[in-house]
Amino acid sequence: MPKTDVSQLSRRSFLKLGAATASALAVGQFIAPPVARAARQAHLLDSNGSGYISTMCEMCVWRCGVRAKVVEEKVVKLEGNPDHPHSKGKLCARGQSGLMTTYDPDRVLTPLIRVGKRGEGKFRQASWDEALDLVAEQMLSIKSKYGPEAMVFSSTHNLSQPLFENLLYGFGSPNYGTQRSLCFNAMIVANSITYGMEEPARDYSQVKYIILTGRNLTEAISTSETSDLIDSISGGAKVVYIDPRFTKTASKATEWLPIRPGTDLAFHLAMINVIIAEKLYDAAFVDKYTLGFDQVASLTMSTTPEWAATLTGIEAGTIRRIAEEFGAAGKYALAHNGWRTSNFINSFPTERAISILNAVVGNWGTTMFPSSGEGAGVLGSPPQPAYPRISAQRLDGVPWMYPFVPLKIGVFQQLRDSIVAGTPYEPHGWFISRQNPVQSLPDRQKTLEAFQKMDLIVTMDILVNDTDWFSDVVLPEASYLERYDPLVPMGNQVYIRQPVIEPQGEAKSALWVYKELGTRLGLADFFQYKDEVDYINQQLAPTGIPLETLRLHGNATLPTSTGSDIYEWSTPSGKVELFSSLLEKAKFDPVPIWTDPPQPKAGEFYLLTGKVGQHTQFGTQNNQLLHKYQDVPRLWMAPEAAKSLGLSDWDTVQVTSPVGTVQVALQVTDAMRTDCVYLTPGFGHLSMALRTAYGVGASDSVLHVTYTDPISGGQALSQTFVSVKKA
């Protein structure tokens, strides 16, 4: 492969490169001929290069429909697509600021190869040929010396994931890290055991009574569901919000219950106790469609509201009243599973209790429905061979430590811990795409320790985030406004993400990068498409839908498929399993059982984290528009607690956990329980290449201790206890 001349690139000159390149592009090179020509041919742009192009947002994983306004071949505004069920003509603040991410002056626009010490931030530019040749050569060297399992692959949920998985499984490695164990493993595993599906769909059109357990919907990324919630509130639905922190969702709720962290399970067991004892359940639905009601009734006889009140800090009368109101609402009630609930290692039984609560009031078919998931449905795909047989154990403990965790989800924090421990074997390389484990995994120092054990770290992203900062090779990806992704079906529609401007610099789509790297690794048969358009045409082939139709409207109607009976569940019994024989056989509690969670010692606080409306986890803090409108990230503390420590608003405080210490400004607020403090995640960046985000706030990942739910593999983010003092 030809090599380009390169010069050493220090951090200072690297930063200058991003700004200089963006400045050069700003004078008229954002649209190069291919994209503009194709858009004109599809009648999306006029002769002046102006018009609207429909595509899909990627400022979070919710994938709202977007109409990009292009003026003289530059995207100037993003609007919600009225024909998309997730956007319904609207976009959140993150979605509207997406063009600021694409035009971020800190974009990485050429492949980079590290020249300094790891984490020193010194890189040189490279050509794609040089960077991909180097990555392939080192990956094959690792495979030859240590076996394919010595390469770890990790990525966040995205549309190009099937091609990423072709790299992983085609290469022969079992080691796959996703973000989900840091988010909603407990919900997925609980629903899979109870309903035989990862997440049933929720319908707010008839709902009259809603319980949200730690689900801060108004600041979450599922914006269409937030819209449905607000509409239901306007229509008179009652909302009970359970959270130690008063969030924006709490402000919209009928009732806020500031529960003691880790005790959500006790609250829901008491709800079940009342509904069964007072015969408020749907006996006909329970008899016909559920399994294990008698065992649940027997084991919740003692979980009365009076018992739960001492644990949760919520009065027994309040718990009993809410249970009676929920039972009275019957099939019009909805207990939202949430994605994290209590965020303790008892999150799995808590999620199970919520699923059981929904089942006994018989809301299936009214407020809850089967979900079809994200399968390709009627879409086609390029041909490919079977994956090679993989015999090595997974480093994340699935299934040998966590038998109920789906292979495609895994336990990311366990994977990191196995790397540090070097057991059951030593990995030597890590390919990371669109992910930032330095910020997202608990105990940041341990993640950096894992990085130091790697012979090779390769990352792919649009900015040099904290993980890229420690990378050996950085591959620049095109932003979602600059590339095609594989199609995604939703209901009877299929939606397209298509470029509205030409990729800046040398940035490339994931479809292109994975194919080029796969070919160099001898895996070309797993990437049988000429380019992105050919890949999409192969997906569309069975449907008869022309690509131009999709490009023009952003969506198209799929051929009708045969519907299934909504009263069939993919569980061993074919029913909703309140009692799980699978859990019993694995020697776990077959129905949710209460055990006391750990509590902070005197002088310590529960450390809480959560979502804010201005940012998506750890990925948007460098967006200049969102940065402008974000709140200053401070540590929330109740006035009584602050007074007892002699602290005042805006004091700089030192926060210490068993694994780390940070300093951050204090926010004294009534919106907290006195035994808790709260820190917004996504700040305290290490990468100096993020010039907007660097130096702002503190990182919660420095403080979080790794605690893993033994059944679902979920990380217990609220189980970390901290001390606070004036810095």
Foldseek 3Di string as FASTA:
>chain_A
DDWDDKDWFFQVNLLVVLLVQLVVVVVPVFFDPPLLVVCVVLVQADPQSWHWWWFWFVQDALTFIWIFTAGSQRGDWIWGFCPTLQAVGHDFLSRGLVVLLQSPSLWDFAKWFADDAFLNQITMGIHLVVQLLVVLVVQVVLCVPPNNQLEAEEEEDDQQVVLSVLVNLQSQHLHYAYLQLQWFLLQQLLCCQQFVGRFWAFDLPQAAEEEEFQAPPVQDPSVSVVVSVLVSVVVHHAYEYEDQFCDVSNVSHPYYHNWDFPLLQLLLLQLLQLCVVVVLFDVVLCVPFEPDPVVSNVQSPPSHLVNSCVHTVDHRVVSNVSSVVQSVSQLSYAYDLHRQRRLFLLNNLSSNSRVVSNRRSPNEPPGTFGDPPWDLPLFFFADFDDGDDHDDDYQLPPPVQAPSADSNHGQNLSSLVCCLVQPPHHRAEYEYEHDDCCQSAAANVSNVSSLVRHPAYEYEEGHCFQVNSSHRMYAYAFDLQAAWGAWTDDVQKIFTRHHSTHGRRNHYHPLVSSCVSCVSNVNNRSNPAPDRVRRNCNRCVSFPDDVSVCRNSRMDGGPDDDDDDRSAGPHPVRHRYQFGPVCVVVVHHRHRDDDDGDDDDPQKAFEAEDGGNLHDAQPCQLSVVSVVVDDQWAKEAEPVLCVVQVHDFQFWKWKAFPQAIDIGGYHHDNRRDRRHIYTYARAQTSDVSSVRRHPGGHRCSNQADFDANSHSSRGSRRSIMIHMHGD
